Amino acid sequence: MLLKKGVQVKVISGKDKGKTGEILEINRRHNKVKIKSIGMIKKHLKPTKENKGGIISKESFIHQSNVKNIDVKINDKKKTGKK
């Protein structure tokens, strides 16, 4: 499957099944992707001089086998080939 940053994908399994989003980051070593507003987790931050601290929500990585490519441009390239 062709996954690149900025491609639209749909989650096909897990707690966010059925949601769609854009790929923000790819970790090829662990075969994981980070998708915009999918796989949200809570992170506790300690207060520092430049940061107030508190609880923030951010995206976490999900395995690339749990997503399906729905970007029209990439799907068209994939279907064309030698006959």
N, C-alpha and C. Protein backbone atom coordinates (compact mmCIF):
# COMPACT_ATOMS: atom_id res chain seq x y z
N MET A 1 0.85 -1.18 0.00
CA MET A 1 0.00 0.00 0.00
C MET A 1 0.89 1.23 0.00
N LEU A 2 0.49 2.22 -0.77
CA LEU A 2 1.27 3.45 -0.88
C LEU A 2 0.77 4.46 0.14
N LEU A 3 1.54 4.68 1.19
CA LEU A 3 1.20 5.65 2.22
C LEU A 3 2.24 6.75 2.21
N LYS A 4 1.76 7.98 2.12
CA LYS A 4 2.64 9.14 2.16
C LYS A 4 2.00 10.19 3.06
N LYS A 5 2.81 11.13 3.48
CA LYS A 5 2.32 12.23 4.30
C LYS A 5 1.32 13.06 3.50
N GLY A 6 0.16 13.34 4.10
CA GLY A 6 -0.85 14.15 3.44
C GLY A 6 -1.91 13.35 2.70
N VAL A 7 -1.80 12.03 2.66
CA VAL A 7 -2.76 11.18 1.95
C VAL A 7 -3.97 10.93 2.85
N GLN A 8 -5.17 10.89 2.26
CA GLN A 8 -6.40 10.60 3.00
C GLN A 8 -6.53 9.09 3.19
N VAL A 9 -6.79 8.65 4.43
CA VAL A 9 -6.97 7.23 4.74
C VAL A 9 -8.21 7.05 5.60
N LYS A 10 -8.71 5.80 5.62
CA LYS A 10 -9.86 5.44 6.44
C LYS A 10 -9.43 4.33 7.39
N VAL A 11 -9.83 4.44 8.66
CA VAL A 11 -9.49 3.42 9.67
C VAL A 11 -10.45 2.26 9.50
N ILE A 12 -9.93 1.03 9.37
CA ILE A 12 -10.77 -0.13 9.13
C ILE A 12 -10.90 -1.04 10.35
N SER A 13 -10.13 -0.78 11.42
CA SER A 13 -10.29 -1.55 12.64
C SER A 13 -9.79 -0.75 13.83
N GLY A 14 -10.28 -1.11 15.01
CA GLY A 14 -9.88 -0.42 16.23
C GLY A 14 -10.99 0.47 16.75
N LYS A 15 -10.67 1.27 17.76
CA LYS A 15 -11.69 2.09 18.41
C LYS A 15 -12.19 3.23 17.54
N ASP A 16 -11.42 3.64 16.53
CA ASP A 16 -11.81 4.72 15.62
C ASP A 16 -12.25 4.19 14.26
N LYS A 17 -12.79 2.98 14.22
CA LYS A 17 -13.19 2.34 12.97
C LYS A 17 -14.21 3.19 12.23
N GLY A 18 -13.98 3.38 10.92
CA GLY A 18 -14.89 4.13 10.07
C GLY A 18 -14.52 5.59 9.90
N LYS A 19 -13.63 6.12 10.73
CA LYS A 19 -13.24 7.53 10.63
C LYS A 19 -12.20 7.70 9.53
N THR A 20 -12.17 8.91 8.95
CA THR A 20 -11.20 9.22 7.93
C THR A 20 -10.35 10.41 8.37
N GLY A 21 -9.15 10.49 7.85
CA GLY A 21 -8.26 11.58 8.19
C GLY A 21 -7.03 11.61 7.31
N GLU A 22 -6.21 12.60 7.55
CA GLU A 22 -4.99 12.83 6.76
C GLU A 22 -3.78 12.35 7.56
N ILE A 23 -2.84 11.71 6.88
CA ILE A 23 -1.62 11.22 7.53
C ILE A 23 -0.73 12.41 7.88
N LEU A 24 -0.35 12.49 9.17
CA LEU A 24 0.54 13.55 9.63
C LEU A 24 1.99 13.10 9.67
N GLU A 25 2.21 11.84 10.05
CA GLU A 25 3.57 11.35 10.27
C GLU A 25 3.59 9.85 10.03
N ILE A 26 4.72 9.34 9.53
CA ILE A 26 4.89 7.90 9.27
C ILE A 26 6.14 7.41 9.96
N ASN A 27 6.03 6.29 10.68
CA ASN A 27 7.18 5.64 11.30
C ASN A 27 7.39 4.32 10.57
N ARG A 28 8.27 4.33 9.57
CA ARG A 28 8.48 3.14 8.73
C ARG A 28 9.17 2.01 9.49
N ARG A 29 9.93 2.32 10.51
CA ARG A 29 10.65 1.29 11.27
C ARG A 29 9.67 0.38 12.02
N HIS A 30 8.61 0.98 12.58
CA HIS A 30 7.63 0.21 13.34
C HIS A 30 6.32 0.00 12.57
N ASN A 31 6.27 0.42 11.29
CA ASN A 31 5.09 0.29 10.44
C ASN A 31 3.86 0.94 11.06
N LYS A 32 4.00 2.18 11.53
CA LYS A 32 2.90 2.89 12.16
C LYS A 32 2.71 4.26 11.52
N VAL A 33 1.47 4.76 11.60
CA VAL A 33 1.16 6.08 11.05
C VAL A 33 0.39 6.89 12.10
N LYS A 34 0.53 8.21 12.01
CA LYS A 34 -0.19 9.13 12.87
C LYS A 34 -1.17 9.89 11.98
N ILE A 35 -2.47 9.82 12.34
CA ILE A 35 -3.52 10.41 11.52
C ILE A 35 -4.17 11.55 12.30
N LYS A 36 -4.50 12.62 11.58
CA LYS A 36 -5.07 13.82 12.18
C LYS A 36 -6.39 13.51 12.88
N SER A 37 -6.47 13.84 14.16
CA SER A 37 -7.64 13.69 15.05
C SER A 37 -8.15 12.25 15.17
N ILE A 38 -7.27 11.26 15.02
CA ILE A 38 -7.62 9.85 15.21
C ILE A 38 -6.60 9.22 16.15
N GLY A 39 -7.07 8.39 17.07
CA GLY A 39 -6.19 7.76 18.05
C GLY A 39 -5.75 8.74 19.11
N MET A 40 -6.67 9.59 19.56
CA MET A 40 -6.34 10.62 20.53
C MET A 40 -6.05 10.00 21.90
N ILE A 41 -4.99 10.51 22.56
CA ILE A 41 -4.63 10.08 23.91
C ILE A 41 -4.48 11.31 24.78
N LYS A 42 -4.56 11.11 26.09
CA LYS A 42 -4.35 12.19 27.06
C LYS A 42 -2.91 12.12 27.56
N LYS A 43 -2.23 13.26 27.60
CA LYS A 43 -0.85 13.33 28.08
C LYS A 43 -0.79 14.36 29.20
N HIS A 44 -0.20 13.97 30.32
CA HIS A 44 -0.05 14.87 31.46
C HIS A 44 1.30 15.58 31.36
N LEU A 45 1.28 16.91 31.37
CA LEU A 45 2.50 17.70 31.28
C LEU A 45 2.79 18.37 32.61
N LYS A 46 4.04 18.29 33.01
CA LYS A 46 4.48 18.92 34.24
C LYS A 46 4.71 20.42 33.98
N PRO A 47 4.33 21.29 34.89
CA PRO A 47 4.56 22.72 34.67
C PRO A 47 6.05 23.07 34.67
N THR A 48 6.44 23.94 33.74
CA THR A 48 7.80 24.45 33.67
C THR A 48 7.73 25.97 33.52
N LYS A 49 8.89 26.61 33.39
CA LYS A 49 8.91 28.07 33.27
C LYS A 49 8.18 28.54 32.00
N GLU A 50 8.38 27.82 30.89
CA GLU A 50 7.76 28.24 29.64
C GLU A 50 6.45 27.52 29.34
N ASN A 51 6.09 26.49 30.10
CA ASN A 51 4.88 25.73 29.84
C ASN A 51 4.02 25.68 31.10
N LYS A 52 2.73 25.91 30.94
CA LYS A 52 1.81 25.93 32.07
C LYS A 52 1.59 24.53 32.65
N GLY A 53 1.59 23.52 31.79
CA GLY A 53 1.34 22.16 32.25
C GLY A 53 -0.13 21.81 32.14
N GLY A 54 -0.51 20.65 32.64
CA GLY A 54 -1.89 20.19 32.59
C GLY A 54 -2.04 18.96 31.72
N ILE A 55 -3.29 18.68 31.34
CA ILE A 55 -3.60 17.51 30.54
C ILE A 55 -3.92 17.98 29.12
N ILE A 56 -3.21 17.42 28.14
CA ILE A 56 -3.45 17.76 26.74
C ILE A 56 -3.85 16.50 25.98
N SER A 57 -4.56 16.68 24.88
CA SER A 57 -4.91 15.58 23.98
C SER A 57 -4.04 15.67 22.75
N LYS A 58 -3.53 14.52 22.30
CA LYS A 58 -2.73 14.49 21.08
C LYS A 58 -2.91 13.16 20.38
N GLU A 59 -2.53 13.12 19.09
CA GLU A 59 -2.66 11.91 18.30
C GLU A 59 -1.57 10.91 18.66
N SER A 60 -1.92 9.62 18.60
CA SER A 60 -0.92 8.59 18.79
C SER A 60 -0.82 7.76 17.51
N PHE A 61 0.21 6.94 17.41
CA PHE A 61 0.42 6.12 16.24
C PHE A 61 -0.52 4.92 16.24
N ILE A 62 -0.98 4.52 15.05
CA ILE A 62 -1.71 3.27 14.88
C ILE A 62 -1.03 2.48 13.77
N HIS A 63 -1.20 1.17 13.78
CA HIS A 63 -0.51 0.31 12.82
C HIS A 63 -1.06 0.54 11.43
N GLN A 64 -0.18 0.50 10.42
CA GLN A 64 -0.59 0.80 9.06
C GLN A 64 -1.52 -0.25 8.47
N SER A 65 -1.57 -1.45 9.05
CA SER A 65 -2.49 -2.47 8.55
C SER A 65 -3.93 -2.16 8.94
N ASN A 66 -4.14 -1.21 9.85
CA ASN A 66 -5.48 -0.84 10.29
C ASN A 66 -6.05 0.32 9.51
N VAL A 67 -5.37 0.77 8.45
CA VAL A 67 -5.87 1.87 7.63
C VAL A 67 -5.97 1.45 6.17
N LYS A 68 -6.87 2.13 5.44
CA LYS A 68 -7.08 1.86 4.02
C LYS A 68 -6.97 3.18 3.27
N ASN A 69 -6.26 3.17 2.16
CA ASN A 69 -6.04 4.36 1.34
C ASN A 69 -7.34 4.72 0.62
N ILE A 70 -7.80 5.98 0.76
CA ILE A 70 -9.00 6.42 0.04
C ILE A 70 -8.71 7.62 -0.85
N ASP A 71 -7.46 7.99 -1.01
CA ASP A 71 -7.09 9.14 -1.84
C ASP A 71 -7.31 8.78 -3.30
N VAL A 72 -8.08 9.59 -4.02
CA VAL A 72 -8.47 9.30 -5.40
C VAL A 72 -7.27 9.30 -6.33
N LYS A 73 -6.37 10.27 -6.19
CA LYS A 73 -5.23 10.39 -7.09
C LYS A 73 -4.34 9.15 -7.03
N ILE A 74 -4.06 8.67 -5.83
CA ILE A 74 -3.16 7.53 -5.66
C ILE A 74 -3.85 6.24 -6.13
N ASN A 75 -5.17 6.10 -5.88
CA ASN A 75 -5.87 4.91 -6.32
C ASN A 75 -5.91 4.79 -7.83
N ASP A 76 -6.04 5.93 -8.54
CA ASP A 76 -6.05 5.89 -10.00
C ASP A 76 -4.71 5.44 -10.55
N LYS A 77 -3.60 5.89 -9.95
CA LYS A 77 -2.28 5.50 -10.40
C LYS A 77 -2.06 4.00 -10.16
N LYS A 78 -2.60 3.51 -9.07
CA LYS A 78 -2.40 2.13 -8.70
C LYS A 78 -3.14 1.18 -9.66
N LYS A 79 -4.30 1.59 -10.15
CA LYS A 79 -5.11 0.72 -11.00
C LYS A 79 -4.57 0.65 -12.43
N THR A 80 -3.91 1.70 -12.91
CA THR A 80 -3.40 1.67 -14.27
C THR A 80 -2.13 0.85 -14.34
N GLY A 81 -1.96 0.15 -15.41
CA GLY A 81 -0.76 -0.66 -15.56
C GLY A 81 -0.75 -1.36 -16.91
N LYS A 82 0.17 -2.28 -17.11
CA LYS A 82 0.26 -3.02 -18.37
C LYS A 82 -0.84 -4.03 -18.46
N LYS A 83 -1.33 -4.24 -19.68
CA LYS A 83 -2.37 -5.25 -19.92
C LYS A 83 -1.88 -6.26 -20.94
